[in-house]
Amino acid sequence: MGHEESRKEQRVDKQETVFIEILATSAESDSGLVVKCATQDISRTGIKVNSNFPITVGAYLELLIDFESTAARFLLTGEVKWCRQIDSEPTYECGFELLEAEHSDIQLWQAQFDNVT
């Protein structure tokens, strides 16, 4: 059973910069680490990113998504649903479910998909 089956919304291919704050991990040295990633696709309720850092499945993390093309920025909270190594560099591909959270831009994020068909 792959991660593709659990998609609830139509995905849009979009490559943008994402900064992910690793608030806490099992390795104390990773606490407070900010990882620069790139989106691969996005939707109203999720994103897929490529990262050079493994991200713990089940973690709730803060995501700062910076759309360079429009200068729009979104602060979102997401749960890591899956993460897999895809090459030997290493590069990881990770899927996030976006969640309602205090101080989140989730309504603004979702509004950008209202006119996408």
C-alpha atoms as a PDB file:
ATOM      1  CA  MET A   1       0.000   0.000   0.000  1.00  0.00           C
ATOM      2  CA  GLY A   2       1.687   3.225  -1.158  1.00  0.00           C
ATOM      3  CA  HIS A   3       1.326   6.808  -0.017  1.00  0.00           C
ATOM      4  CA  GLU A   4      -0.395   7.712  -3.309  1.00  0.00           C
ATOM      5  CA  GLU A   5      -3.591   5.985  -2.154  1.00  0.00           C
ATOM      6  CA  SER A   6      -4.185   8.319   0.793  1.00  0.00           C
ATOM      7  CA  ARG A   7      -4.331  11.572  -1.194  1.00  0.00           C
ATOM      8  CA  LYS A   8      -7.508  13.529  -0.507  1.00  0.00           C
ATOM      9  CA  GLU A   9      -6.918  16.530  -2.777  1.00  0.00           C
ATOM     10  CA  GLN A  10      -5.630  17.092  -6.310  1.00  0.00           C
ATOM     11  CA  ARG A  11      -1.885  17.798  -6.324  1.00  0.00           C
ATOM     12  CA  VAL A  12      -0.196  20.640  -8.208  1.00  0.00           C
ATOM     13  CA  ASP A  13       3.419  20.219  -9.337  1.00  0.00           C
ATOM     14  CA  LYS A  14       5.290  23.185  -7.843  1.00  0.00           C
ATOM     15  CA  GLN A  15       8.922  23.564  -6.859  1.00  0.00           C
ATOM     16  CA  GLU A  16       9.367  26.125  -4.087  1.00  0.00           C
ATOM     17  CA  THR A  17      11.616  26.578  -1.061  1.00  0.00           C
ATOM     18  CA  VAL A  18      10.494  25.178   2.296  1.00  0.00           C
ATOM     19  CA  PHE A  19      12.199  25.681   5.645  1.00  0.00           C
ATOM     20  CA  ILE A  20      11.289  22.986   8.156  1.00  0.00           C
ATOM     21  CA  GLU A  21      12.031  23.538  11.836  1.00  0.00           C
ATOM     22  CA  ILE A  22      12.923  20.289  13.571  1.00  0.00           C
ATOM     23  CA  LEU A  23      11.664  21.146  17.059  1.00  0.00           C
ATOM     24  CA  ALA A  24      12.583  17.868  18.731  1.00  0.00           C
ATOM     25  CA  THR A  25      13.995  14.550  17.650  1.00  0.00           C
ATOM     26  CA  SER A  26      15.503  11.552  19.371  1.00  0.00           C
ATOM     27  CA  ALA A  27      18.946  13.049  18.687  1.00  0.00           C
ATOM     28  CA  GLU A  28      19.328  16.026  21.033  1.00  0.00           C
ATOM     29  CA  SER A  29      21.748  17.725  18.618  1.00  0.00           C
ATOM     30  CA  ASP A  30      18.959  18.020  16.018  1.00  0.00           C
ATOM     31  CA  SER A  31      16.671  20.104  18.268  1.00  0.00           C
ATOM     32  CA  GLY A  32      16.067  23.538  16.775  1.00  0.00           C
ATOM     33  CA  LEU A  33      17.577  22.528  13.432  1.00  0.00           C
ATOM     34  CA  VAL A  34      16.128  24.274  10.378  1.00  0.00           C
ATOM     35  CA  VAL A  35      16.252  22.188   7.202  1.00  0.00           C
ATOM     36  CA  LYS A  36      15.992  23.784   3.752  1.00  0.00           C
ATOM     37  CA  CYS A  37      13.932  21.623   1.397  1.00  0.00           C
ATOM     38  CA  ALA A  38      12.121  21.955  -1.922  1.00  0.00           C
ATOM     39  CA  THR A  39       8.483  21.152  -2.609  1.00  0.00           C
ATOM     40  CA  GLN A  40       7.728  18.663  -5.362  1.00  0.00           C
ATOM     41  CA  ASP A  41       3.968  18.953  -5.305  1.00  0.00           C
ATOM     42  CA  ILE A  42       1.399  20.721  -3.165  1.00  0.00           C
ATOM     43  CA  SER A  43      -2.309  20.558  -2.387  1.00  0.00           C
ATOM     44  CA  ARG A  44      -4.818  22.163  -0.026  1.00  0.00           C
ATOM     45  CA  THR A  45      -4.035  19.564   2.634  1.00  0.00           C
ATOM     46  CA  GLY A  46      -0.504  18.324   1.965  1.00  0.00           C
ATOM     47  CA  ILE A  47       2.920  18.747   0.429  1.00  0.00           C
ATOM     48  CA  LYS A  48       5.692  16.481  -0.804  1.00  0.00           C
ATOM     49  CA  VAL A  49       9.265  17.704  -0.260  1.00  0.00           C
ATOM     50  CA  ASN A  50      12.785  16.595  -1.089  1.00  0.00           C
ATOM     51  CA  SER A  51      15.277  16.895   1.762  1.00  0.00           C
ATOM     52  CA  ASN A  52      18.899  15.959   2.458  1.00  0.00           C
ATOM     53  CA  PHE A  53      17.889  15.240   6.062  1.00  0.00           C
ATOM     54  CA  PRO A  54      15.726  12.304   7.207  1.00  0.00           C
ATOM     55  CA  ILE A  55      12.529  13.557   8.830  1.00  0.00           C
ATOM     56  CA  THR A  56      10.858  11.425  11.497  1.00  0.00           C
ATOM     57  CA  VAL A  57       7.495   9.944  10.481  1.00  0.00           C
ATOM     58  CA  GLY A  58       4.763  11.026  12.905  1.00  0.00           C
ATOM     59  CA  ALA A  59       6.532  14.281  13.852  1.00  0.00           C
ATOM     60  CA  TYR A  60       4.546  17.540  13.948  1.00  0.00           C
ATOM     61  CA  LEU A  61       6.700  20.285  12.455  1.00  0.00           C
ATOM     62  CA  GLU A  62       6.543  23.960  11.535  1.00  0.00           C
ATOM     63  CA  LEU A  63       6.917  24.624   7.795  1.00  0.00           C
ATOM     64  CA  LEU A  64       7.773  27.991   6.270  1.00  0.00           C
ATOM     65  CA  ILE A  65       6.975  27.862   2.566  1.00  0.00           C
ATOM     66  CA  ASP A  66       8.434  30.672   0.455  1.00  0.00           C
ATOM     67  CA  PHE A  67       6.985  31.128  -3.047  1.00  0.00           C
ATOM     68  CA  GLU A  68       9.788  33.042  -4.742  1.00  0.00           C
ATOM     69  CA  SER A  69       7.722  33.568  -7.897  1.00  0.00           C
ATOM     70  CA  THR A  70       5.009  35.542  -6.060  1.00  0.00           C
ATOM     71  CA  ALA A  71       6.841  36.581  -2.845  1.00  0.00           C
ATOM     72  CA  ALA A  72       4.111  34.792  -0.847  1.00  0.00           C
ATOM     73  CA  ARG A  73       5.100  33.101   2.410  1.00  0.00           C
ATOM     74  CA  PHE A  74       3.085  30.646   4.464  1.00  0.00           C
ATOM     75  CA  LEU A  75       3.735  29.410   7.998  1.00  0.00           C
ATOM     76  CA  LEU A  76       2.106  25.992   8.303  1.00  0.00           C
ATOM     77  CA  THR A  77       2.064  23.025  10.658  1.00  0.00           C
ATOM     78  CA  GLY A  78       2.319  19.541   9.221  1.00  0.00           C
ATOM     79  CA  GLU A  79       2.520  15.938  10.296  1.00  0.00           C
ATOM     80  CA  VAL A  80       5.116  13.777   8.548  1.00  0.00           C
ATOM     81  CA  LYS A  81       3.092  10.902   7.068  1.00  0.00           C
ATOM     82  CA  TRP A  82       5.948   9.148   5.249  1.00  0.00           C
ATOM     83  CA  CYS A  83       9.629   9.630   4.448  1.00  0.00           C
ATOM     84  CA  ARG A  84      11.887   7.462   2.291  1.00  0.00           C
ATOM     85  CA  GLN A  85      15.443   7.659   1.028  1.00  0.00           C
ATOM     86  CA  ILE A  86      15.453   7.912  -2.778  1.00  0.00           C
ATOM     87  CA  ASP A  87      19.174   7.979  -3.605  1.00  0.00           C
ATOM     88  CA  SER A  88      22.651   7.598  -2.143  1.00  0.00           C
ATOM     89  CA  GLU A  89      23.435  11.346  -1.644  1.00  0.00           C
ATOM     90  CA  PRO A  90      21.267  10.887   0.542  1.00  0.00           C
ATOM     91  CA  THR A  91      18.070  12.544  -0.640  1.00  0.00           C
ATOM     92  CA  TYR A  92      14.773  11.877   1.099  1.00  0.00           C
ATOM     93  CA  GLU A  93      11.244  12.311  -0.199  1.00  0.00           C
ATOM     94  CA  CYS A  94       8.736  13.110   2.558  1.00  0.00           C
ATOM     95  CA  GLY A  95       4.986  13.656   2.643  1.00  0.00           C
ATOM     96  CA  PHE A  96       3.272  16.064   5.046  1.00  0.00           C
ATOM     97  CA  GLU A  97      -0.388  16.396   5.964  1.00  0.00           C
ATOM     98  CA  LEU A  98      -1.114  20.061   6.708  1.00  0.00           C
ATOM     99  CA  LEU A  99      -3.031  20.733   9.915  1.00  0.00           C
ATOM    100  CA  GLU A 100      -5.092  23.517  11.485  1.00  0.00           C
ATOM    101  CA  ALA A 101      -2.953  25.137  14.178  1.00  0.00           C
ATOM    102  CA  GLU A 102      -2.715  28.359  16.159  1.00  0.00           C
ATOM    103  CA  HIS A 103      -0.751  31.045  14.271  1.00  0.00           C
ATOM    104  CA  SER A 104      -0.941  28.975  11.074  1.00  0.00           C
ATOM    105  CA  ASP A 105      -1.587  30.405   7.599  1.00  0.00           C
ATOM    106  CA  ILE A 106      -3.645  27.329   6.651  1.00  0.00           C
ATOM    107  CA  GLN A 107      -6.724  29.347   5.529  1.00  0.00           C
ATOM    108  CA  LEU A 108      -4.599  31.561   3.260  1.00  0.00           C
ATOM    109  CA  TRP A 109      -2.780  28.468   1.982  1.00  0.00           C
ATOM    110  CA  GLN A 110      -6.043  26.690   1.141  1.00  0.00           C
ATOM    111  CA  ALA A 111      -7.559  29.814  -0.469  1.00  0.00           C
ATOM    112  CA  GLN A 112      -4.908  29.765  -3.198  1.00  0.00           C
ATOM    113  CA  PHE A 113      -6.369  26.469  -4.443  1.00  0.00           C
ATOM    114  CA  ASP A 114      -9.965  27.741  -4.648  1.00  0.00           C
ATOM    115  CA  ASN A 115      -9.571  28.946  -8.250  1.00  0.00           C
ATOM    116  CA  VAL A 116      -7.359  26.070  -9.435  1.00  0.00           C
ATOM    117  CA  THR A 117      -9.149  23.568 -11.642  1.00  0.00           C
END
